[in-house]
Amino acid sequence: MPIRLNIATDPVQIDSILKLRYDVFCLQEKLFQPTADQRVVDRFDTLSTTRNILATRDDRIVGALRINVDSSVGVPADDYYDFRQHLPKENVNMMSVGMFCVREAQRSLGIALHLISLSAYFAVSNDITHVIAPTNPAIGKLLGRVGFKPVGDLRYDPHLGGNFVPMMLDMRDLADSFLTFAKRTQLYNFLQSYEYMLFNAGETVLQAGVKGNSAFVIIEGEAEVRHAESGAALAVLGEGQVLGELALLTDDTQSVDVIARSHLQTMVLPKDTFLNHLRTDPDHTLQMLHSYAHRMKTVLLGSGFVANLS
């Protein structure tokens, strides 16, 4: 099943995240004491500077990560350690990450790494200079792959009921693979939706006969366009190309099947926002139509339709 990651935008999603925290932190890991409402929440969840990234699979939330951009009331990490002593005196735009949780049964899917990737994209897009995190030692190596470094020794926190390591990321040290993802995403996701989907090789991205509500931009990997009836390969699409936009423009069903040829990372472009963008940016509209015309020429040549007309 594909995995979708996005920033929570409605009360149902946010409440599901609070319940996931309870399931992971209270029931699975025994870090927090159980609560009557089966939710884990604090004052920072109420602030406008807070964002929650969630991962869903088969319409079920399987992972989440909280982002808190620094403000006059601080960030949650301030309650655990004095990170600010390690920050430069000037030109700092800082955020913290925390409440990092993935269901135990889903931890082999790489969801944790993808949550961190999307948080890195958020940081790059919002000119963040430093990211701080009181880190569970179990994920210390994972954050180290991103570029985080310890800024203090292992500590025990009674509220957490466990140990943590204070870690910080100077965005100049962001690992190349994560920086590449962030820059690609920033380049291609012109709608700044902070939403993307992951497909394994062989999974269906678009299905013929189904009315779509989103288009997709390929960030990494390849997808194969197939004839709906014969299954014949018509074209191969790669980085930067758009899928499913014609069905949005015509308000019709998909005319072909699109299958992931490899592990595929795609940004999601919701229909309403996508169409509004095209109405207000004629240059981008013309560029997209040019790209679509080129793709159609490739598809027609591959199907033999052009040859039959000659």
Protein backbone atom coordinates (compact mmCIF):
# COMPACT_ATOMS: atom_id res chain seq x y z
CA MET A 1 0.00 0.00 0.00
CA PRO A 2 1.27 3.53 -0.78
CA ILE A 3 2.27 5.77 2.12
CA ARG A 4 1.01 9.35 2.23
CA LEU A 5 2.73 12.06 4.26
CA ASN A 6 1.34 15.53 4.86
CA ILE A 7 0.98 18.29 7.41
CA ALA A 8 -2.20 17.81 9.42
CA THR A 9 -4.84 20.34 8.41
CA ASP A 10 -8.09 19.37 10.11
CA PRO A 11 -9.26 18.45 13.64
CA VAL A 12 -9.79 14.77 12.80
CA GLN A 13 -6.18 14.37 11.67
CA ILE A 14 -4.82 16.22 14.69
CA ASP A 15 -6.95 14.18 17.11
CA SER A 16 -5.71 10.98 15.42
CA ILE A 17 -2.14 12.13 16.01
CA LEU A 18 -2.81 12.75 19.71
CA LYS A 19 -4.27 9.24 19.95
CA LEU A 20 -1.27 7.76 18.11
CA ARG A 21 1.05 9.43 20.62
CA TYR A 22 -0.91 7.74 23.41
CA ASP A 23 -0.73 4.32 21.72
CA VAL A 24 3.03 4.58 21.16
CA PHE A 25 4.27 6.52 24.21
CA CYS A 26 1.88 5.16 26.85
CA LEU A 27 0.94 1.66 25.68
CA GLN A 28 3.90 0.52 23.57
CA GLU A 29 6.91 2.24 25.12
CA LYS A 30 5.54 2.88 28.66
CA LEU A 31 7.12 6.36 28.72
CA PHE A 32 4.09 8.40 29.79
CA GLN A 33 1.40 7.63 32.31
CA PRO A 34 -1.97 6.63 30.80
CA THR A 35 -4.63 9.34 30.60
CA ALA A 36 -8.39 9.09 30.83
CA ASP A 37 -8.99 10.54 27.35
CA GLN A 38 -6.24 8.39 25.77
CA ARG A 39 -4.47 11.39 24.25
CA VAL A 40 -1.00 12.91 24.71
CA VAL A 41 -1.11 16.70 24.42
CA ASP A 42 0.65 19.76 25.86
CA ARG A 43 0.40 23.56 25.63
CA PHE A 44 2.57 23.75 22.52
CA ASP A 45 -0.09 21.87 20.56
CA THR A 46 -2.29 24.97 20.80
CA LEU A 47 0.17 27.40 19.17
CA SER A 48 -0.03 28.74 15.62
CA THR A 49 3.70 28.03 15.23
CA THR A 50 3.10 24.28 15.60
CA ARG A 51 2.84 21.83 12.69
CA ASN A 52 2.23 18.08 12.80
CA ILE A 53 3.43 15.81 10.01
CA LEU A 54 1.53 12.55 9.74
CA ALA A 55 2.04 9.37 7.75
CA THR A 56 -0.92 7.24 6.69
CA ARG A 57 -1.10 3.84 5.06
CA ASP A 58 -4.36 2.33 3.86
CA ASP A 59 -6.19 5.33 5.43
CA ARG A 60 -4.72 4.55 8.87
CA ILE A 61 -2.30 6.86 10.63
CA VAL A 62 0.98 5.04 11.26
CA GLY A 63 3.44 7.78 12.19
CA ALA A 64 3.73 11.43 13.23
CA LEU A 65 6.27 14.14 14.03
CA ARG A 66 5.71 17.57 15.58
CA ILE A 67 7.44 20.75 14.41
CA ASN A 68 7.56 23.87 16.60
CA VAL A 69 8.97 27.06 15.11
CA ASP A 70 10.58 29.29 17.75
CA SER A 71 8.48 32.14 19.12
CA SER A 72 8.28 34.43 22.15
CA VAL A 73 6.99 31.49 24.25
CA GLY A 74 9.83 29.20 23.19
CA VAL A 75 9.68 25.59 22.00
CA PRO A 76 9.05 22.28 23.82
CA ALA A 77 12.75 21.36 23.74
CA ASP A 78 13.47 24.29 26.10
CA ASP A 79 11.82 22.31 28.90
CA TYR A 80 14.41 19.54 28.62
CA TYR A 81 17.76 21.22 27.98
CA ASP A 82 19.36 24.63 27.40
CA PHE A 83 19.89 24.26 23.66
CA ARG A 84 20.16 28.03 23.21
CA GLN A 85 23.65 28.12 24.69
CA HIS A 86 24.81 26.30 21.55
CA LEU A 87 23.11 28.64 19.07
CA PRO A 88 24.83 31.58 17.33
CA LYS A 89 24.05 35.00 18.78
CA GLU A 90 22.60 36.44 15.54
CA ASN A 91 20.72 35.45 12.41
CA VAL A 92 19.10 32.37 13.94
CA ASN A 93 15.76 30.95 12.85
CA MET A 94 15.23 27.88 14.97
CA MET A 95 12.66 25.11 15.26
CA SER A 96 12.36 21.98 17.37
CA VAL A 97 11.14 18.52 16.42
CA GLY A 98 9.61 16.06 18.82
CA MET A 99 6.65 13.81 19.63
CA PHE A 100 8.23 11.46 17.09
CA CYS A 101 6.19 8.25 16.98
CA VAL A 102 5.70 5.33 14.57
CA ARG A 103 3.54 2.29 15.20
CA GLU A 104 5.72 -0.70 16.04
CA ALA A 105 4.27 -2.85 13.25
CA GLN A 106 5.17 -0.18 10.65
CA ARG A 107 8.75 0.60 11.69
CA SER A 108 10.32 -1.56 8.97
CA LEU A 109 8.77 0.58 6.20
CA GLY A 110 11.18 3.50 6.53
CA ILE A 111 8.39 5.81 7.68
CA ALA A 112 10.62 7.42 10.31
CA LEU A 113 13.13 8.48 7.67
CA HIS A 114 10.38 9.91 5.45
CA LEU A 115 8.91 11.93 8.33
CA ILE A 116 12.36 13.43 8.90
CA SER A 117 12.70 14.10 5.14
CA LEU A 118 9.50 16.12 5.10
CA SER A 119 10.56 18.05 8.21
CA ALA A 120 13.85 18.86 6.43
CA TYR A 121 11.86 20.13 3.45
CA PHE A 122 9.80 22.30 5.80
CA ALA A 123 13.00 23.66 7.38
CA VAL A 124 14.60 24.50 4.02
CA SER A 125 11.38 26.09 2.71
CA ASN A 126 11.03 28.27 5.81
CA ASP A 127 14.66 29.42 6.05
CA ILE A 128 15.29 27.56 9.30
CA THR A 129 18.95 27.71 10.36
CA HIS A 130 18.95 25.25 13.28
CA VAL A 131 16.78 22.33 14.42
CA ILE A 132 16.91 21.05 18.01
CA ALA A 133 15.61 17.80 19.46
CA PRO A 134 15.68 16.01 22.84
CA THR A 135 16.26 12.62 21.26
CA ASN A 136 15.37 9.11 22.31
CA PRO A 137 18.70 7.22 22.16
CA ALA A 138 16.98 4.56 20.02
CA ILE A 139 16.73 7.01 17.09
CA GLY A 140 19.98 8.87 17.71
CA LYS A 141 21.76 7.09 14.85
CA LEU A 142 18.88 7.86 12.50
CA LEU A 143 19.07 11.59 13.26
CA GLY A 144 22.84 11.37 12.90
CA ARG A 145 22.33 10.27 9.28
CA VAL A 146 20.43 13.52 8.69
CA GLY A 147 23.21 15.66 10.17
CA PHE A 148 22.16 16.05 13.82
CA LYS A 149 24.98 16.13 16.37
CA PRO A 150 24.90 15.67 20.17
CA VAL A 151 25.35 18.92 22.11
CA GLY A 152 25.23 17.33 25.55
CA ASP A 153 25.47 14.03 27.43
CA LEU A 154 22.79 11.40 27.94
CA ARG A 155 20.22 12.66 30.43
CA TYR A 156 17.23 11.31 32.34
CA ASP A 157 13.93 13.18 32.34
CA PRO A 158 11.28 12.18 34.89
CA HIS A 159 8.45 13.50 32.71
CA LEU A 160 9.55 11.29 29.84
CA GLY A 161 10.27 8.44 32.19
CA GLY A 162 13.44 7.72 30.20
CA ASN A 163 16.74 8.94 28.84
CA PHE A 164 17.38 11.41 26.04
CA VAL A 165 20.31 12.95 24.21
CA PRO A 166 20.17 16.69 23.33
CA MET A 167 20.88 16.90 19.58
CA MET A 168 21.06 19.81 17.16
CA LEU A 169 21.14 20.19 13.39
CA ASP A 170 22.89 23.15 11.81
CA MET A 171 21.11 23.27 8.45
CA ARG A 172 24.49 23.80 6.77
CA ASP A 173 25.30 20.24 7.91
CA LEU A 174 22.14 18.69 6.46
CA ALA A 175 23.16 15.42 4.80
CA ASP A 176 23.39 15.59 1.01
CA SER A 177 20.57 13.11 0.38
CA PHE A 178 18.14 15.08 2.55
CA LEU A 179 19.26 18.41 1.10
CA THR A 180 18.79 17.02 -2.41
CA PHE A 181 15.28 15.85 -1.53
CA ALA A 182 14.40 19.21 0.01
CA LYS A 183 15.69 21.18 -2.96
CA ARG A 184 13.99 18.91 -5.51
CA THR A 185 10.76 19.10 -3.57
CA GLN A 186 10.98 22.88 -3.27
CA LEU A 187 11.64 23.14 -7.02
CA TYR A 188 8.84 20.90 -8.21
CA ASN A 189 6.16 21.40 -5.55
CA PHE A 190 5.17 24.86 -6.72
CA LEU A 191 2.05 24.70 -4.56
CA GLN A 192 3.99 24.28 -1.28
CA SER A 193 1.49 21.65 -0.14
CA TYR A 194 4.00 19.73 2.01
CA GLU A 195 2.29 16.52 0.96
CA TYR A 196 3.78 13.58 -0.82
CA MET A 197 3.18 9.89 -1.49
CA LEU A 198 5.55 6.94 -1.64
CA PHE A 199 4.98 3.97 -3.94
CA ASN A 200 6.87 0.70 -4.17
CA ALA A 201 7.72 -0.80 -7.56
CA GLY A 202 4.60 -2.36 -9.09
CA GLU A 203 2.09 -0.30 -7.14
CA THR A 204 -0.60 1.64 -8.99
CA VAL A 205 -0.28 5.41 -8.96
CA LEU A 206 -3.26 6.16 -11.24
CA GLN A 207 -5.92 3.74 -12.43
CA ALA A 208 -7.84 4.04 -15.68
CA GLY A 209 -11.54 4.74 -15.23
CA VAL A 210 -11.09 6.32 -11.79
CA LYS A 211 -11.83 10.00 -11.31
CA GLY A 212 -8.82 11.61 -9.69
CA ASN A 213 -8.72 14.45 -7.17
CA SER A 214 -4.97 15.10 -7.32
CA ALA A 215 -2.07 15.30 -9.70
CA PHE A 216 1.45 14.16 -8.82
CA VAL A 217 4.95 15.46 -9.50
CA ILE A 218 7.71 12.84 -9.58
CA ILE A 219 10.48 13.78 -7.15
CA GLU A 220 12.48 10.57 -7.51
CA GLY A 221 12.03 7.30 -9.41
CA GLU A 222 10.16 6.34 -12.57
CA ALA A 223 6.55 5.55 -13.48
CA GLU A 224 5.27 3.64 -16.51
CA VAL A 225 2.19 4.70 -18.48
CA ARG A 226 0.23 1.66 -19.69
CA HIS A 227 -2.65 1.20 -22.10
CA ALA A 228 -5.80 0.60 -20.07
CA GLU A 229 -6.95 -2.47 -22.03
CA SER A 230 -3.83 -4.16 -23.43
CA GLY A 231 -1.46 -3.21 -20.63
CA ALA A 232 1.14 -2.22 -23.21
CA ALA A 233 3.78 0.25 -22.04
CA LEU A 234 3.24 3.65 -23.68
CA ALA A 235 5.78 5.87 -21.94
CA VAL A 236 8.14 6.13 -18.97
CA LEU A 237 8.02 9.27 -16.84
CA GLY A 238 10.76 10.50 -14.53
CA GLU A 239 11.89 13.29 -12.23
CA GLY A 240 9.99 16.56 -12.56
CA GLN A 241 7.17 15.22 -14.74
CA VAL A 242 3.51 15.54 -13.78
CA LEU A 243 0.98 12.68 -13.59
CA GLY A 244 -2.80 12.88 -13.67
CA GLU A 245 -3.12 16.55 -14.58
CA LEU A 246 -5.26 15.98 -17.69
CA ALA A 247 -8.07 14.34 -15.71
CA LEU A 248 -8.11 17.39 -13.42
CA LEU A 249 -8.24 19.81 -16.36
CA THR A 250 -11.06 17.91 -18.10
CA ASP A 251 -12.85 16.79 -14.92
CA ASP A 252 -12.83 13.29 -16.39
CA THR A 253 -11.64 9.84 -15.33
CA GLN A 254 -8.09 8.64 -15.88
CA SER A 255 -7.56 7.32 -19.42
CA VAL A 256 -4.44 5.19 -18.70
CA ASP A 257 -2.88 3.19 -15.90
CA VAL A 258 0.28 4.55 -14.30
CA ILE A 259 2.45 2.06 -12.40
CA ALA A 260 5.58 2.70 -10.33
CA ARG A 261 8.62 1.16 -12.04
CA SER A 262 10.80 1.68 -8.99
CA HIS A 263 10.51 3.13 -5.52
CA LEU A 264 8.68 6.33 -6.37
CA GLN A 265 8.49 9.61 -4.43
CA THR A 266 5.79 12.02 -5.60
CA MET A 267 4.49 15.35 -4.42
CA VAL A 268 0.70 15.57 -4.26
CA LEU A 269 -1.03 18.49 -5.99
CA PRO A 270 -4.67 18.77 -4.77
CA LYS A 271 -7.16 19.55 -7.53
CA ASP A 272 -8.58 22.89 -6.35
CA THR A 273 -5.21 24.39 -5.49
CA PHE A 274 -3.69 23.00 -8.69
CA LEU A 275 -6.37 24.59 -10.90
CA ASN A 276 -6.26 27.91 -9.04
CA HIS A 277 -2.51 28.04 -9.55
CA LEU A 278 -2.84 27.47 -13.28
CA ARG A 279 -5.44 30.25 -13.54
CA THR A 280 -3.11 32.75 -11.86
CA ASP A 281 0.17 31.69 -13.51
CA PRO A 282 -0.19 31.58 -17.34
CA ASP A 283 3.53 30.98 -17.86
CA HIS A 284 3.45 27.83 -15.75
CA THR A 285 0.25 26.73 -17.51
CA LEU A 286 1.93 27.07 -20.90
CA GLN A 287 4.98 25.18 -19.65
CA MET A 288 2.79 22.34 -18.38
CA LEU A 289 0.82 22.14 -21.64
CA HIS A 290 4.09 21.97 -23.57
CA SER A 291 5.25 19.11 -21.33
CA TYR A 292 1.93 17.31 -21.78
CA ALA A 293 2.02 17.72 -25.58
CA HIS A 294 5.52 16.24 -25.67
CA ARG A 295 4.38 13.30 -23.54
CA MET A 296 1.34 12.69 -25.76
CA LYS A 297 3.60 12.64 -28.83
CA THR A 298 5.75 10.01 -27.14
CA VAL A 299 2.68 7.96 -26.19
CA LEU A 300 1.23 8.13 -29.71
CA LEU A 301 4.52 7.12 -31.30
CA GLY A 302 4.84 4.26 -28.85
CA SER A 303 1.32 3.03 -29.61
CA GLY A 304 1.86 3.15 -33.37
CA PHE A 305 -1.02 5.61 -33.81
CA VAL A 306 1.09 8.21 -35.63
CA ALA A 307 2.61 5.55 -37.90
CA ASN A 308 -0.83 4.28 -38.87
CA LEU A 309 -1.86 7.75 -39.97
CA SER A 310 1.14 8.13 -42.31
